[in-house]
Amino acid sequence: MSTPVDSIRRIRRALIAGQVLAGIGLGSAVSVGSLLAAHIAGGDSAAGLAATMSTLGSAVAAIPLARVAMQRGRRRALTLGASIAILGGLLIIVAGGLMSLPLVLLGLLGLGVGGAVNLQARFAVTDYSSAENRGRDLSMVVWATTIGAIIGPNLNGIGVVIGDALGMPELTGPFIFTVAAQLAAASMYWWGIGPNVPTVTVTKAAATTAAKLSRAVPFAIAVIGLGHATMVAVMAMTPVHLVHEGATVGEASFVISLHVAGMYAMSPVFGILSDRIGRVPVLILGQVVLAISLALTALFPMDHTIVTIGLILLGLGWSANTVAGSALIGELSQGPKRLTIQGRSDAAMSASGALAGVLAGPAVTALGYSGLSIAAFTFVGAAVALIALIVTLRSRESSE
C-alpha cells in the first residue's frame, strides 16, 4: 500500500519525466515552425511569427490553466495543456498540406500552451515540497528541460526523412515527434499524478507569514519577467549577429545550444543555493551574472569566442534569476490565491519574452548588437531596484 511519501515521490518523477517529454515535443515548435511558415509565405518575413505565436500561446494559457489547477487540480490542468499542444501539432500537419499560414500560426499558438504546462510544472512540484527543499525540487524540474531541449531539435532531421517517406506535407514530419511526445507527457501527468494526492501541509504561522509578504509578490513576478526579457532579447538576435559577422549557421546554432545548456543544466545548483543561503542572494547573483554577460557582448561583439562566453553567462544568469524567483513566489503564495499568483507569474514571464523578442529586431537595426546589449542593462537595473524593494517590504512586514 502506497504512503503519502510514496505518492509525492511518484509525482515528482512524473513531473520530471513530463518535462523531458514536453521538451522533445516542443523541439520543433520554433525552428521547424519558422521554416514551415517561411515556406508557406514564400519569404522570411513570416518566420519570426512562429516564435511569437508559440510564446503568445504560453502567455495566454498561463492564467486559465492556473484556474483549472485551482478548481480541478494540477492533474487535470497539466493534462489539458498537453492535450491542447497535441491538437496544435496535428493542426500544423494539416496546415502544411493545405499550405495555410493562418492555420500554421494557430497550431503554433496551441503548441505554446505546452510551454505554459512546462512553466506550471515547476510550481506544481512545490505543492509537495517542504520549505527547506522547495528550491531544490523546483530546480530539478527545470533541469529536466535540458534533456528534452537537447534531444528534441536533434530529432528534426529524422522527422523530415520520416515525413518524406510517408508522403507528408513538406517540413511537417518532425511534428510526428511533437504529437507523440506530448501524448506521452499527457499520459504521464494523468497517471503519474493521480487524484487526491496530499500536499505538504502549510502551518498556520507560515500561512500568516505568506499573507503578510503578499505585497512583495508583484515585484518578485516583475524580477522574473525582467530577467526573462533580458535573456530573450539578446539570445534572439545573437545568431543573426554571428552569421552577419561571418559565422556559419551551424556555428551560430552551437552557440545557442551552449546558451540553452547554461539556462538549464546548472539549475539544481541555484536551487540548492537558494535553499541554503536564501532566495534574494541568488536573485542578486543572477543580476550580477546577467550584467557581466551584457558587458561582454556589448564590448566585444566581433569576438565570437567572447560572445559565446557571454551567451553561456546569459543562460546562467537567467537560471539563477528564474529558479530563485520562482522559489520565492512559491514561498510567498501559500494562501488561497497561490495558484492564481503562480499563473500570473507564468503569464508575465511569457509575455515579457514575447515583447522582448518583438522589440529586439528593431533595437538592433537602430542601435546595433552592442547597443542592444547596453539597452538591456536597463532591465537588469530595474530588477536590482525591485529586489531592494522586496527586501525592504519583507523587513517591514516581518516586524508588523
Foldseek 3Di string as FASTA:
>chain_A
DDDLVNLLVLLLVLLLLLLLLLLLLCLCQLPLLLVLLCVLVVHNPCSLLSLLLLLLLLLVCLQVLLVCCLVPNLLVSLLVLLVLLLVLLVQLQVCLVVSNNVSSSVSSSSVSSSVNSLLVSLLVSLQADDLLQSLLSSLSSLLSNLNSNVVNNVCQVVQQVVCVVVVGRHSSSSNVSNNVSSVVSSVSSNVRNDPDRHGDDDDPVLQVLLVLLVVLLVLLLLLLQLLLLLLLLLLLCLLVLVVVLPDDNVLSVVLVSLLVCLQRVCLSVLSNCCSPVHLLVLLVVLLVLLLVLLVQCLPCVNDPVSPSVSSSSSNNSSSSSNSSSSSVLSSNQPDSCSSSSSSNSSSSNSVSSSVSNVVSVVQCVVQNSSSSSVVSVVSSVSSVVSSVVSVVSSVVSVVD
